[in-house]
Amino acid sequence: MNLYFILEGEKTEVLLYPKWINHILPNYSQVDFENEATQDSYYIFSGGGIPSIYNHTVNAIKNINDNAIYDKLIVCLDGEEIGVISRIEEIKNYINDSGVKLIDKCDIHFVVQNVCIETWFLGNRKVVKKVPEGLKLREFIEHYNITEKDPELMNKMDLYRNKAHFHYSYFKEILKEHDLTYRKSKPTVVMEKPFFNQLEKRVDETEHLPTFKKLIDLLRSFAF
């Protein structure tokens, strides 16, 4: 089986997804160019944010139709403020309006990060200190304890411009307690298997992070 990923992000996701894919599908190999796929390969392309990812998805469908070596097209986007359902409707409408239809051999899947990729990172309960030292983190936890409640349902505090900004800030404060840093261009700490294992554990043990679970279940299905 060959997989074609289009990712909204230009920094974090293109570095992160190959690692995460490898954790679940170690027998799959990444190809640098879409026409290099053979068997159990995956290709990753950055859509460069919204709305340009919509046009790139249409172009990907055309490429797959012309070179029918892919079995799955997986489009990964942020839900941000408009939410999962509205984001999927938005991109589906764009594809429908383009008049392009994906060949029957290939299925398309939409994975929407609700709210953003950092929301998923907040699912690692083990990295959160039981007694945080930082005042800001204590305020965040008092506002919404992400070790007990679903991070995807967390609203922002008033000082933050949107939910994605708040979730990003929350995660950085958690790592600060361990003298760790996180940058979108260098997401090293979240790429490793121990961190990923904690996210898998969260979705296997709870009903939290349903959009992350969709990705996990999808990747697991390709292993068979």
N, C-alpha and C. Protein backbone atom coordinates (compact mmCIF):
# COMPACT_ATOMS: atom_id res chain seq x y z
N MET A 1 0.83 -1.19 0.00
CA MET A 1 0.00 0.00 0.00
C MET A 1 0.87 1.25 0.00
N ASN A 2 0.45 2.26 -0.75
CA ASN A 2 1.18 3.51 -0.82
C ASN A 2 0.30 4.65 -0.32
N LEU A 3 0.90 5.55 0.46
CA LEU A 3 0.17 6.61 1.13
C LEU A 3 0.69 7.97 0.68
N TYR A 4 -0.25 8.88 0.42
CA TYR A 4 0.10 10.24 -0.02
C TYR A 4 -0.45 11.20 1.03
N PHE A 5 0.45 11.88 1.76
CA PHE A 5 0.06 12.81 2.81
C PHE A 5 0.22 14.26 2.34
N ILE A 6 -0.82 15.05 2.57
CA ILE A 6 -0.71 16.50 2.41
C ILE A 6 -0.92 17.12 3.77
N LEU A 7 0.06 17.87 4.24
CA LEU A 7 0.02 18.44 5.59
C LEU A 7 -0.10 19.95 5.49
N GLU A 8 -0.94 20.52 6.34
CA GLU A 8 -1.11 21.96 6.33
C GLU A 8 0.17 22.69 6.72
N GLY A 9 0.83 22.22 7.77
CA GLY A 9 1.99 22.91 8.31
C GLY A 9 3.22 22.80 7.44
N GLU A 10 4.03 23.84 7.48
CA GLU A 10 5.28 23.87 6.71
C GLU A 10 6.48 23.51 7.57
N LYS A 11 6.33 23.51 8.89
CA LYS A 11 7.46 23.29 9.78
C LYS A 11 7.27 22.02 10.62
N THR A 12 6.46 22.11 11.65
CA THR A 12 6.33 21.02 12.63
C THR A 12 5.89 19.71 11.99
N GLU A 13 4.78 19.75 11.25
CA GLU A 13 4.19 18.51 10.75
C GLU A 13 5.10 17.75 9.79
N VAL A 14 5.81 18.47 8.93
CA VAL A 14 6.65 17.77 7.95
C VAL A 14 7.84 17.08 8.62
N LEU A 15 8.24 17.55 9.78
CA LEU A 15 9.28 16.88 10.54
C LEU A 15 8.71 15.77 11.42
N LEU A 16 7.53 16.02 11.94
CA LEU A 16 6.92 15.13 12.93
C LEU A 16 6.29 13.89 12.32
N TYR A 17 5.52 14.06 11.25
CA TYR A 17 4.74 12.94 10.71
C TYR A 17 5.60 11.75 10.27
N PRO A 18 6.74 11.96 9.61
CA PRO A 18 7.56 10.78 9.27
C PRO A 18 7.95 9.96 10.50
N LYS A 19 8.25 10.63 11.60
CA LYS A 19 8.61 9.92 12.83
C LYS A 19 7.40 9.15 13.37
N TRP A 20 6.26 9.82 13.43
CA TRP A 20 5.06 9.17 13.95
C TRP A 20 4.62 8.00 13.06
N ILE A 21 4.70 8.21 11.76
CA ILE A 21 4.35 7.12 10.84
C ILE A 21 5.26 5.92 11.09
N ASN A 22 6.55 6.18 11.25
CA ASN A 22 7.51 5.11 11.47
C ASN A 22 7.25 4.35 12.78
N HIS A 23 6.74 5.06 13.79
CA HIS A 23 6.44 4.39 15.06
C HIS A 23 5.36 3.32 14.90
N ILE A 24 4.42 3.54 14.00
CA ILE A 24 3.33 2.60 13.80
C ILE A 24 3.57 1.71 12.58
N LEU A 25 4.21 2.27 11.56
CA LEU A 25 4.42 1.54 10.31
C LEU A 25 5.92 1.48 9.99
N PRO A 26 6.69 0.75 10.78
CA PRO A 26 8.15 0.74 10.58
C PRO A 26 8.59 0.14 9.25
N ASN A 27 7.73 -0.61 8.60
CA ASN A 27 8.09 -1.23 7.33
C ASN A 27 7.87 -0.32 6.14
N TYR A 28 7.24 0.82 6.38
CA TYR A 28 6.99 1.77 5.29
C TYR A 28 8.21 2.68 5.12
N SER A 29 8.44 3.09 3.90
CA SER A 29 9.58 3.97 3.62
C SER A 29 9.08 5.26 2.96
N GLN A 30 9.70 6.37 3.34
CA GLN A 30 9.34 7.66 2.76
C GLN A 30 10.07 7.87 1.45
N VAL A 31 9.36 8.41 0.46
CA VAL A 31 9.98 8.74 -0.83
C VAL A 31 10.04 10.26 -0.96
N ASP A 32 11.04 10.73 -1.66
CA ASP A 32 11.25 12.17 -1.81
C ASP A 32 10.38 12.78 -2.90
N PHE A 33 10.02 11.95 -3.89
CA PHE A 33 9.20 12.43 -5.01
C PHE A 33 8.01 11.49 -5.18
N GLU A 34 6.89 12.06 -5.54
CA GLU A 34 5.64 11.30 -5.54
C GLU A 34 5.65 10.13 -6.52
N ASN A 35 6.43 10.23 -7.59
CA ASN A 35 6.46 9.15 -8.58
C ASN A 35 7.44 8.04 -8.22
N GLU A 36 8.08 8.13 -7.04
CA GLU A 36 9.05 7.11 -6.63
C GLU A 36 8.43 5.99 -5.80
N ALA A 37 7.16 6.10 -5.45
CA ALA A 37 6.52 5.09 -4.60
C ALA A 37 6.51 3.74 -5.30
N THR A 38 6.77 2.69 -4.52
CA THR A 38 6.76 1.33 -5.07
C THR A 38 5.75 0.47 -4.32
N GLN A 39 6.15 0.01 -3.14
CA GLN A 39 5.24 -0.77 -2.30
C GLN A 39 5.52 -0.42 -0.84
N ASP A 40 4.45 -0.17 -0.08
CA ASP A 40 4.57 0.26 1.31
C ASP A 40 5.46 1.50 1.41
N SER A 41 5.10 2.48 0.61
CA SER A 41 5.82 3.76 0.60
C SER A 41 4.86 4.88 1.00
N TYR A 42 5.43 6.00 1.42
CA TYR A 42 4.59 7.17 1.67
C TYR A 42 5.33 8.43 1.21
N TYR A 43 4.53 9.35 0.71
CA TYR A 43 5.03 10.63 0.24
C TYR A 43 4.37 11.73 1.05
N ILE A 44 5.14 12.73 1.47
CA ILE A 44 4.62 13.83 2.27
C ILE A 44 4.88 15.16 1.57
N PHE A 45 3.81 15.96 1.51
CA PHE A 45 3.91 17.26 0.87
C PHE A 45 3.26 18.30 1.77
N SER A 46 3.91 19.45 1.94
CA SER A 46 3.33 20.52 2.74
C SER A 46 2.43 21.40 1.87
N GLY A 47 1.20 21.58 2.34
CA GLY A 47 0.24 22.40 1.62
C GLY A 47 0.42 23.88 1.85
N GLY A 48 1.33 24.25 2.76
CA GLY A 48 1.64 25.66 2.96
C GLY A 48 0.54 26.48 3.61
N GLY A 49 -0.23 25.84 4.48
CA GLY A 49 -1.26 26.58 5.21
C GLY A 49 -2.58 26.63 4.49
N ILE A 50 -3.55 27.28 5.15
CA ILE A 50 -4.89 27.46 4.59
C ILE A 50 -4.98 28.88 4.03
N PRO A 51 -5.51 29.08 2.81
CA PRO A 51 -6.26 28.11 1.99
C PRO A 51 -5.43 27.40 0.92
N SER A 52 -4.11 27.64 0.83
CA SER A 52 -3.35 27.07 -0.28
C SER A 52 -3.37 25.54 -0.28
N ILE A 53 -3.55 24.92 0.90
CA ILE A 53 -3.59 23.46 0.95
C ILE A 53 -4.77 22.91 0.16
N TYR A 54 -5.84 23.70 0.04
CA TYR A 54 -7.00 23.25 -0.72
C TYR A 54 -6.64 23.06 -2.19
N ASN A 55 -5.93 24.03 -2.74
CA ASN A 55 -5.52 23.93 -4.14
C ASN A 55 -4.50 22.81 -4.33
N HIS A 56 -3.60 22.65 -3.36
CA HIS A 56 -2.62 21.56 -3.45
C HIS A 56 -3.30 20.20 -3.38
N THR A 57 -4.37 20.10 -2.63
CA THR A 57 -5.11 18.83 -2.56
C THR A 57 -5.73 18.50 -3.92
N VAL A 58 -6.29 19.49 -4.57
CA VAL A 58 -6.85 19.29 -5.91
C VAL A 58 -5.75 18.84 -6.87
N ASN A 59 -4.60 19.47 -6.81
CA ASN A 59 -3.48 19.08 -7.67
C ASN A 59 -3.00 17.67 -7.36
N ALA A 60 -3.02 17.31 -6.06
CA ALA A 60 -2.61 15.96 -5.68
C ALA A 60 -3.56 14.92 -6.25
N ILE A 61 -4.84 15.23 -6.24
CA ILE A 61 -5.83 14.32 -6.83
C ILE A 61 -5.55 14.13 -8.31
N LYS A 62 -5.24 15.20 -9.01
CA LYS A 62 -4.90 15.10 -10.44
C LYS A 62 -3.66 14.24 -10.64
N ASN A 63 -2.64 14.45 -9.79
CA ASN A 63 -1.40 13.67 -9.91
C ASN A 63 -1.64 12.19 -9.67
N ILE A 64 -2.45 11.90 -8.65
CA ILE A 64 -2.75 10.50 -8.33
C ILE A 64 -3.54 9.86 -9.47
N ASN A 65 -4.47 10.61 -10.04
CA ASN A 65 -5.25 10.08 -11.16
C ASN A 65 -4.37 9.75 -12.36
N ASP A 66 -3.34 10.57 -12.57
CA ASP A 66 -2.45 10.35 -13.71
C ASP A 66 -1.40 9.29 -13.45
N ASN A 67 -1.14 9.01 -12.17
CA ASN A 67 -0.10 8.05 -11.80
C ASN A 67 -0.64 7.19 -10.66
N ALA A 68 -1.44 6.22 -11.01
CA ALA A 68 -2.28 5.50 -10.03
C ALA A 68 -1.50 4.48 -9.21
N ILE A 69 -0.54 4.99 -8.41
CA ILE A 69 0.24 4.09 -7.55
C ILE A 69 -0.12 4.26 -6.07
N TYR A 70 -1.00 5.21 -5.80
CA TYR A 70 -1.36 5.47 -4.40
C TYR A 70 -2.73 4.89 -4.06
N ASP A 71 -2.81 4.35 -2.83
CA ASP A 71 -4.05 3.75 -2.35
C ASP A 71 -4.82 4.67 -1.42
N LYS A 72 -4.10 5.58 -0.74
CA LYS A 72 -4.73 6.48 0.22
C LYS A 72 -4.17 7.89 0.07
N LEU A 73 -5.07 8.86 0.06
CA LEU A 73 -4.69 10.27 0.13
C LEU A 73 -5.16 10.79 1.48
N ILE A 74 -4.22 11.22 2.31
CA ILE A 74 -4.55 11.67 3.68
C ILE A 74 -4.22 13.15 3.79
N VAL A 75 -5.25 13.95 4.02
CA VAL A 75 -5.11 15.40 4.11
C VAL A 75 -5.24 15.80 5.57
N CYS A 76 -4.20 16.44 6.11
CA CYS A 76 -4.15 16.78 7.54
C CYS A 76 -4.15 18.29 7.71
N LEU A 77 -5.15 18.79 8.45
CA LEU A 77 -5.32 20.23 8.63
C LEU A 77 -5.61 20.57 10.08
N ASP A 78 -5.49 21.86 10.41
CA ASP A 78 -5.91 22.37 11.72
C ASP A 78 -7.38 22.76 11.68
N GLY A 79 -8.10 22.43 12.76
CA GLY A 79 -9.48 22.89 12.87
C GLY A 79 -9.55 24.34 13.31
N GLU A 80 -8.58 24.75 14.13
CA GLU A 80 -8.50 26.11 14.66
C GLU A 80 -9.85 26.57 15.19
N GLU A 81 -10.27 27.77 14.82
CA GLU A 81 -11.49 28.33 15.41
C GLU A 81 -12.76 27.81 14.74
N ILE A 82 -12.68 27.33 13.50
CA ILE A 82 -13.92 26.95 12.82
C ILE A 82 -14.35 25.52 13.14
N GLY A 83 -13.45 24.71 13.68
CA GLY A 83 -13.82 23.38 14.11
C GLY A 83 -13.64 22.31 13.05
N VAL A 84 -13.78 21.06 13.47
CA VAL A 84 -13.51 19.91 12.63
C VAL A 84 -14.51 19.79 11.48
N ILE A 85 -15.78 19.80 11.81
CA ILE A 85 -16.81 19.58 10.79
C ILE A 85 -16.77 20.66 9.73
N SER A 86 -16.67 21.92 10.16
CA SER A 86 -16.65 23.03 9.20
C SER A 86 -15.41 22.99 8.32
N ARG A 87 -14.26 22.59 8.90
CA ARG A 87 -13.03 22.51 8.11
C ARG A 87 -13.15 21.45 7.02
N ILE A 88 -13.70 20.30 7.37
CA ILE A 88 -13.86 19.22 6.39
C ILE A 88 -14.85 19.64 5.31
N GLU A 89 -15.94 20.28 5.71
CA GLU A 89 -16.91 20.75 4.72
C GLU A 89 -16.28 21.76 3.77
N GLU A 90 -15.44 22.63 4.32
CA GLU A 90 -14.80 23.67 3.52
C GLU A 90 -13.91 23.08 2.44
N ILE A 91 -13.07 22.11 2.81
CA ILE A 91 -12.17 21.54 1.81
C ILE A 91 -12.91 20.63 0.84
N LYS A 92 -13.92 19.91 1.32
CA LYS A 92 -14.72 19.08 0.42
C LYS A 92 -15.43 19.93 -0.63
N ASN A 93 -15.96 21.07 -0.20
CA ASN A 93 -16.64 21.97 -1.13
C ASN A 93 -15.66 22.50 -2.18
N TYR A 94 -14.44 22.80 -1.72
CA TYR A 94 -13.43 23.29 -2.66
C TYR A 94 -13.11 22.23 -3.71
N ILE A 95 -12.98 21.00 -3.27
CA ILE A 95 -12.68 19.90 -4.20
C ILE A 95 -13.84 19.70 -5.17
N ASN A 96 -15.06 19.70 -4.63
CA ASN A 96 -16.24 19.53 -5.49
C ASN A 96 -16.35 20.65 -6.52
N ASP A 97 -16.08 21.87 -6.10
CA ASP A 97 -16.16 23.02 -7.01
C ASP A 97 -15.10 22.95 -8.11
N SER A 98 -13.99 22.26 -7.82
CA SER A 98 -12.92 22.14 -8.82
C SER A 98 -13.31 21.21 -9.96
N GLY A 99 -14.28 20.34 -9.71
CA GLY A 99 -14.71 19.39 -10.72
C GLY A 99 -13.82 18.16 -10.82
N VAL A 100 -12.80 18.07 -9.96
CA VAL A 100 -11.88 16.93 -9.99
C VAL A 100 -12.40 15.82 -9.08
N LYS A 101 -12.33 14.59 -9.56
CA LYS A 101 -12.79 13.44 -8.78
C LYS A 101 -11.67 12.42 -8.68
N LEU A 102 -11.40 11.96 -7.46
CA LEU A 102 -10.33 10.99 -7.23
C LEU A 102 -10.72 9.63 -7.79
N ILE A 103 -9.77 8.96 -8.41
CA ILE A 103 -10.02 7.63 -8.99
C ILE A 103 -10.47 6.65 -7.90
N ASP A 104 -11.23 5.65 -8.31
CA ASP A 104 -11.81 4.69 -7.36
C ASP A 104 -10.75 3.90 -6.60
N LYS A 105 -9.59 3.69 -7.22
CA LYS A 105 -8.53 2.90 -6.58
C LYS A 105 -8.03 3.54 -5.29
N CYS A 106 -8.14 4.85 -5.19
CA CYS A 106 -7.58 5.59 -4.06
C CYS A 106 -8.69 6.19 -3.21
N ASP A 107 -8.55 6.09 -1.90
CA ASP A 107 -9.50 6.69 -0.96
C ASP A 107 -8.90 7.96 -0.37
N ILE A 108 -9.76 8.94 -0.08
CA ILE A 108 -9.30 10.17 0.56
C ILE A 108 -9.78 10.22 2.00
N HIS A 109 -8.89 10.62 2.90
CA HIS A 109 -9.21 10.74 4.33
C HIS A 109 -8.80 12.14 4.79
N PHE A 110 -9.63 12.72 5.64
CA PHE A 110 -9.33 14.03 6.21
C PHE A 110 -9.07 13.87 7.71
N VAL A 111 -7.90 14.30 8.15
CA VAL A 111 -7.55 14.28 9.57
C VAL A 111 -7.42 15.73 10.01
N VAL A 112 -8.32 16.16 10.89
CA VAL A 112 -8.32 17.56 11.33
C VAL A 112 -7.84 17.63 12.77
N GLN A 113 -6.75 18.34 12.97
CA GLN A 113 -6.19 18.51 14.31
C GLN A 113 -7.05 19.53 15.07
N ASN A 114 -7.73 19.05 16.08
CA ASN A 114 -8.64 19.91 16.84
C ASN A 114 -8.02 20.25 18.19
N VAL A 115 -7.44 21.39 18.35
CA VAL A 115 -7.52 22.63 17.61
C VAL A 115 -6.33 22.77 16.65
N CYS A 116 -5.18 22.34 17.12
CA CYS A 116 -3.93 22.45 16.37
C CYS A 116 -3.03 21.30 16.80
N ILE A 117 -1.86 21.19 16.22
CA ILE A 117 -0.97 20.08 16.54
C ILE A 117 -0.55 20.10 18.00
N GLU A 118 -0.39 21.30 18.59
CA GLU A 118 -0.01 21.39 20.00
C GLU A 118 -1.11 20.89 20.92
N THR A 119 -2.35 20.93 20.47
CA THR A 119 -3.45 20.36 21.25
C THR A 119 -3.21 18.89 21.48
N TRP A 120 -2.78 18.20 20.45
CA TRP A 120 -2.48 16.78 20.58
C TRP A 120 -1.33 16.55 21.56
N PHE A 121 -0.31 17.41 21.50
CA PHE A 121 0.83 17.26 22.40
C PHE A 121 0.41 17.36 23.86
N LEU A 122 -0.62 18.13 24.13
CA LEU A 122 -1.11 18.28 25.51
C LEU A 122 -1.68 16.98 26.06
N GLY A 123 -1.83 15.98 25.22
CA GLY A 123 -2.37 14.70 25.67
C GLY A 123 -1.38 13.87 26.47
N ASN A 124 -0.12 14.26 26.48
CA ASN A 124 0.90 13.53 27.26
C ASN A 124 0.78 13.94 28.73
N ARG A 125 0.12 13.10 29.52
CA ARG A 125 -0.10 13.42 30.94
C ARG A 125 1.18 13.27 31.77
N LYS A 126 2.05 12.38 31.32
CA LYS A 126 3.24 12.07 32.10
C LYS A 126 4.19 13.25 32.18
N VAL A 127 4.21 14.11 31.17
CA VAL A 127 5.16 15.21 31.13
C VAL A 127 4.72 16.38 32.02
N VAL A 128 3.48 16.35 32.50
CA VAL A 128 2.98 17.43 33.35
C VAL A 128 3.33 17.15 34.81
N LYS A 129 4.08 18.03 35.44
CA LYS A 129 4.45 17.84 36.84
C LYS A 129 3.21 17.90 37.74
N LYS A 130 3.17 17.02 38.74
CA LYS A 130 2.04 17.00 39.66
C LYS A 130 1.96 18.30 40.47
N VAL A 131 3.12 18.87 40.79
CA VAL A 131 3.16 20.14 41.51
C VAL A 131 4.03 21.10 40.70
N PRO A 132 3.43 21.80 39.73
CA PRO A 132 4.21 22.71 38.88
C PRO A 132 4.81 23.87 39.68
N GLU A 133 5.97 24.31 39.27
CA GLU A 133 6.64 25.42 39.93
C GLU A 133 6.23 26.77 39.34
N GLY A 134 5.99 26.81 38.05
CA GLY A 134 5.71 28.06 37.38
C GLY A 134 4.31 28.59 37.68
N LEU A 135 4.22 29.88 37.96
CA LEU A 135 2.93 30.51 38.25
C LEU A 135 2.00 30.45 37.04
N LYS A 136 2.56 30.70 35.86
CA LYS A 136 1.73 30.70 34.66
C LYS A 136 1.13 29.32 34.41
N LEU A 137 1.93 28.26 34.57
CA LEU A 137 1.41 26.92 34.36
C LEU A 137 0.35 26.57 35.40
N ARG A 138 0.55 27.00 36.63
CA ARG A 138 -0.46 26.75 37.66
C ARG A 138 -1.78 27.44 37.30
N GLU A 139 -1.67 28.63 36.75
CA GLU A 139 -2.87 29.35 36.31
C GLU A 139 -3.54 28.62 35.15
N PHE A 140 -2.73 28.10 34.25
CA PHE A 140 -3.28 27.35 33.12
C PHE A 140 -4.04 26.12 33.61
N ILE A 141 -3.42 25.39 34.53
CA ILE A 141 -4.04 24.16 35.04
C ILE A 141 -5.31 24.47 35.83
N GLU A 142 -5.29 25.57 36.55
CA GLU A 142 -6.50 25.98 37.27
C GLU A 142 -7.62 26.33 36.29
N HIS A 143 -7.24 26.95 35.19
CA HIS A 143 -8.21 27.28 34.15
C HIS A 143 -8.78 26.01 33.52
N TYR A 144 -7.88 25.05 33.21
CA TYR A 144 -8.31 23.81 32.55
C TYR A 144 -7.20 22.78 32.73
N ASN A 145 -7.49 21.74 33.49
CA ASN A 145 -6.50 20.70 33.78
C ASN A 145 -6.51 19.67 32.65
N ILE A 146 -5.51 19.78 31.78
CA ILE A 146 -5.50 18.91 30.60
C ILE A 146 -5.11 17.46 30.93
N THR A 147 -4.67 17.19 32.15
CA THR A 147 -4.41 15.80 32.52
C THR A 147 -5.70 15.07 32.87
N GLU A 148 -6.75 15.82 33.18
CA GLU A 148 -8.03 15.23 33.56
C GLU A 148 -9.11 15.43 32.51
N LYS A 149 -9.02 16.52 31.76
CA LYS A 149 -10.03 16.85 30.76
C LYS A 149 -9.44 16.79 29.36
N ASP A 150 -10.30 16.60 28.39
CA ASP A 150 -9.87 16.48 27.00
C ASP A 150 -9.28 17.80 26.50
N PRO A 151 -7.99 17.81 26.10
CA PRO A 151 -7.39 19.05 25.59
C PRO A 151 -8.12 19.64 24.39
N GLU A 152 -8.77 18.80 23.60
CA GLU A 152 -9.46 19.30 22.41
C GLU A 152 -10.65 20.19 22.77
N LEU A 153 -11.14 20.09 23.99
CA LEU A 153 -12.31 20.86 24.41
C LEU A 153 -11.93 22.12 25.17
N MET A 154 -10.65 22.42 25.26
CA MET A 154 -10.20 23.54 26.08
C MET A 154 -10.35 24.88 25.35
N ASN A 155 -11.05 25.80 25.98
CA ASN A 155 -11.15 27.16 25.47
C ASN A 155 -9.96 27.98 25.96
N LYS A 156 -9.73 29.11 25.31
CA LYS A 156 -8.59 29.95 25.65
C LYS A 156 -8.88 30.82 26.88
N MET A 157 -7.82 31.28 27.51
CA MET A 157 -7.93 32.33 28.51
C MET A 157 -8.02 33.67 27.77
N ASP A 158 -8.57 34.66 28.42
CA ASP A 158 -8.89 35.94 27.77
C ASP A 158 -7.68 36.63 27.16
N LEU A 159 -6.50 36.45 27.73
CA LEU A 159 -5.33 37.18 27.26
C LEU A 159 -4.82 36.69 25.90
N TYR A 160 -5.29 35.55 25.44
CA TYR A 160 -4.75 34.93 24.23
C TYR A 160 -5.67 35.17 23.04
N ARG A 161 -5.06 35.38 21.88
CA ARG A 161 -5.83 35.83 20.71
C ARG A 161 -6.75 34.76 20.14
N ASN A 162 -6.37 33.50 20.32
CA ASN A 162 -7.23 32.40 19.86
C ASN A 162 -6.84 31.11 20.59
N LYS A 163 -7.61 30.06 20.37
CA LYS A 163 -7.36 28.80 21.07
C LYS A 163 -6.02 28.18 20.70
N ALA A 164 -5.66 28.27 19.43
CA ALA A 164 -4.40 27.68 18.99
C ALA A 164 -3.21 28.34 19.69
N HIS A 165 -3.25 29.64 19.82
CA HIS A 165 -2.18 30.38 20.51
C HIS A 165 -2.10 29.96 21.98
N PHE A 166 -3.26 29.79 22.61
CA PHE A 166 -3.28 29.39 24.01
C PHE A 166 -2.75 27.96 24.19
N HIS A 167 -3.18 27.04 23.34
CA HIS A 167 -2.74 25.65 23.45
C HIS A 167 -1.23 25.55 23.24
N TYR A 168 -0.73 26.33 22.31
CA TYR A 168 0.73 26.38 22.06
C TYR A 168 1.46 26.90 23.31
N SER A 169 0.95 27.96 23.91
CA SER A 169 1.59 28.54 25.10
C SER A 169 1.53 27.59 26.29
N TYR A 170 0.42 26.90 26.43
CA TYR A 170 0.23 25.92 27.52
C TYR A 170 1.29 24.83 27.41
N PHE A 171 1.48 24.31 26.20
CA PHE A 171 2.44 23.23 26.02
C PHE A 171 3.87 23.69 26.30
N LYS A 172 4.20 24.89 25.88
CA LYS A 172 5.54 25.41 26.13
C LYS A 172 5.80 25.57 27.63
N GLU A 173 4.78 25.97 28.39
CA GLU A 173 4.94 26.11 29.83
C GLU A 173 5.14 24.76 30.51
N ILE A 174 4.49 23.73 30.00
CA ILE A 174 4.68 22.38 30.54
C ILE A 174 6.13 21.93 30.36
N LEU A 175 6.67 22.16 29.18
CA LEU A 175 8.05 21.74 28.90
C LEU A 175 9.06 22.57 29.68
N LYS A 176 8.71 23.81 29.94
CA LYS A 176 9.62 24.70 30.66
C LYS A 176 9.95 24.14 32.05
N GLU A 177 9.01 23.42 32.63
CA GLU A 177 9.22 22.82 33.95
C GLU A 177 10.34 21.78 33.92
N HIS A 178 10.64 21.27 32.74
CA HIS A 178 11.69 20.25 32.57
C HIS A 178 12.92 20.84 31.87
N ASP A 179 12.98 22.16 31.77
CA ASP A 179 14.07 22.83 31.06
C ASP A 179 14.15 22.38 29.61
N LEU A 180 13.00 22.13 29.02
CA LEU A 180 12.91 21.75 27.62
C LEU A 180 12.27 22.88 26.84
N THR A 181 12.64 22.99 25.58
CA THR A 181 12.06 24.02 24.73
C THR A 181 11.36 23.35 23.55
N TYR A 182 10.41 24.07 23.01
CA TYR A 182 9.68 23.58 21.83
C TYR A 182 9.57 24.72 20.84
N ARG A 183 10.02 24.45 19.62
CA ARG A 183 9.83 25.39 18.53
C ARG A 183 9.21 24.65 17.36
N LYS A 184 8.37 25.34 16.62
CA LYS A 184 7.72 24.68 15.49
C LYS A 184 8.74 24.17 14.48
N SER A 185 9.85 24.87 14.37
CA SER A 185 10.89 24.46 13.43
C SER A 185 11.81 23.37 13.98
N LYS A 186 11.67 23.07 15.28
CA LYS A 186 12.51 22.05 15.91
C LYS A 186 11.71 21.33 16.99
N PRO A 187 10.75 20.48 16.58
CA PRO A 187 9.87 19.81 17.54
C PRO A 187 10.44 18.49 18.07
N THR A 188 11.73 18.49 18.37
CA THR A 188 12.43 17.25 18.69
C THR A 188 11.77 16.45 19.80
N VAL A 189 11.36 17.13 20.87
CA VAL A 189 10.85 16.43 22.05
C VAL A 189 9.59 15.63 21.75
N VAL A 190 8.77 16.06 20.81
CA VAL A 190 7.51 15.37 20.54
C VAL A 190 7.65 14.31 19.45
N MET A 191 8.82 14.21 18.86
CA MET A 191 9.01 13.27 17.77
C MET A 191 9.41 11.88 18.25
N GLU A 192 9.94 11.79 19.46
CA GLU A 192 10.49 10.53 19.93
C GLU A 192 9.41 9.57 20.42
N LYS A 193 9.74 8.29 20.40
CA LYS A 193 8.76 7.24 20.69
C LYS A 193 8.18 7.31 22.10
N PRO A 194 8.96 7.60 23.15
CA PRO A 194 8.36 7.67 24.49
C PRO A 194 7.25 8.72 24.59
N PHE A 195 7.45 9.86 23.95
CA PHE A 195 6.41 10.89 23.97
C PHE A 195 5.19 10.41 23.20
N PHE A 196 5.43 9.85 22.03
CA PHE A 196 4.34 9.33 21.21
C PHE A 196 3.57 8.23 21.93
N ASN A 197 4.29 7.38 22.65
CA ASN A 197 3.63 6.29 23.38
C ASN A 197 2.63 6.81 24.40
N GLN A 198 2.96 7.94 25.03
CA GLN A 198 2.05 8.53 26.01
C GLN A 198 0.78 9.07 25.34
N LEU A 199 0.90 9.57 24.13
CA LEU A 199 -0.28 10.02 23.40
C LEU A 199 -1.15 8.83 23.00
N GLU A 200 -0.51 7.78 22.55
CA GLU A 200 -1.26 6.56 22.23
C GLU A 200 -1.97 6.02 23.46
N LYS A 201 -1.30 6.04 24.58
CA LYS A 201 -1.88 5.56 25.83
C LYS A 201 -3.11 6.38 26.21
N ARG A 202 -3.03 7.69 26.00
CA ARG A 202 -4.16 8.57 26.33
C ARG A 202 -5.41 8.20 25.53
N VAL A 203 -5.24 8.00 24.23
CA VAL A 203 -6.42 7.69 23.42
C VAL A 203 -6.89 6.25 23.58
N ASP A 204 -5.99 5.36 24.00
CA ASP A 204 -6.39 3.97 24.24
C ASP A 204 -7.12 3.81 25.57
N GLU A 205 -6.81 4.68 26.53
CA GLU A 205 -7.38 4.56 27.87
C GLU A 205 -8.58 5.48 28.11
N THR A 206 -8.73 6.49 27.29
CA THR A 206 -9.80 7.48 27.49
C THR A 206 -10.50 7.75 26.15
N GLU A 207 -11.51 8.59 26.21
CA GLU A 207 -12.18 9.04 24.99
C GLU A 207 -11.67 10.42 24.58
N HIS A 208 -10.56 10.85 25.16
CA HIS A 208 -9.99 12.15 24.85
C HIS A 208 -9.26 12.11 23.50
N LEU A 209 -9.02 13.31 22.96
CA LEU A 209 -8.28 13.50 21.71
C LEU A 209 -8.84 12.64 20.56
N PRO A 210 -10.13 12.74 20.29
CA PRO A 210 -10.72 11.90 19.23
C PRO A 210 -10.14 12.14 17.85
N THR A 211 -9.66 13.37 17.56
CA THR A 211 -9.09 13.59 16.23
C THR A 211 -7.70 12.96 16.11
N PHE A 212 -6.96 12.91 17.21
CA PHE A 212 -5.69 12.20 17.20
C PHE A 212 -5.94 10.70 17.07
N LYS A 213 -6.97 10.20 17.75
CA LYS A 213 -7.31 8.78 17.65
C LYS A 213 -7.66 8.41 16.21
N LYS A 214 -8.30 9.33 15.49
CA LYS A 214 -8.62 9.05 14.09
C LYS A 214 -7.35 8.81 13.29
N LEU A 215 -6.33 9.62 13.54
CA LEU A 215 -5.06 9.43 12.85
C LEU A 215 -4.43 8.10 13.24
N ILE A 216 -4.42 7.81 14.53
CA ILE A 216 -3.81 6.56 15.01
C ILE A 216 -4.52 5.34 14.44
N ASP A 217 -5.84 5.35 14.49
CA ASP A 217 -6.60 4.21 13.96
C ASP A 217 -6.37 4.05 12.47
N LEU A 218 -6.26 5.17 11.76
CA LEU A 218 -6.02 5.12 10.32
C LEU A 218 -4.66 4.50 10.03
N LEU A 219 -3.62 4.96 10.71
CA LEU A 219 -2.29 4.42 10.50
C LEU A 219 -2.23 2.94 10.88
N ARG A 220 -2.86 2.58 11.98
CA ARG A 220 -2.88 1.18 12.39
C ARG A 220 -3.55 0.30 11.34
N SER A 221 -4.56 0.81 10.68
CA SER A 221 -5.28 0.02 9.67
C SER A 221 -4.40 -0.30 8.46
N PHE A 222 -3.38 0.52 8.22
CA PHE A 222 -2.50 0.29 7.09
C PHE A 222 -1.47 -0.80 7.37
N ALA A 223 -1.39 -1.21 8.61
CA ALA A 223 -0.41 -2.25 8.99
C ALA A 223 -0.89 -3.64 8.63
N PHE A 224 -2.15 -3.75 8.26
CA PHE A 224 -2.71 -5.08 7.99
C PHE A 224 -2.79 -5.36 6.50
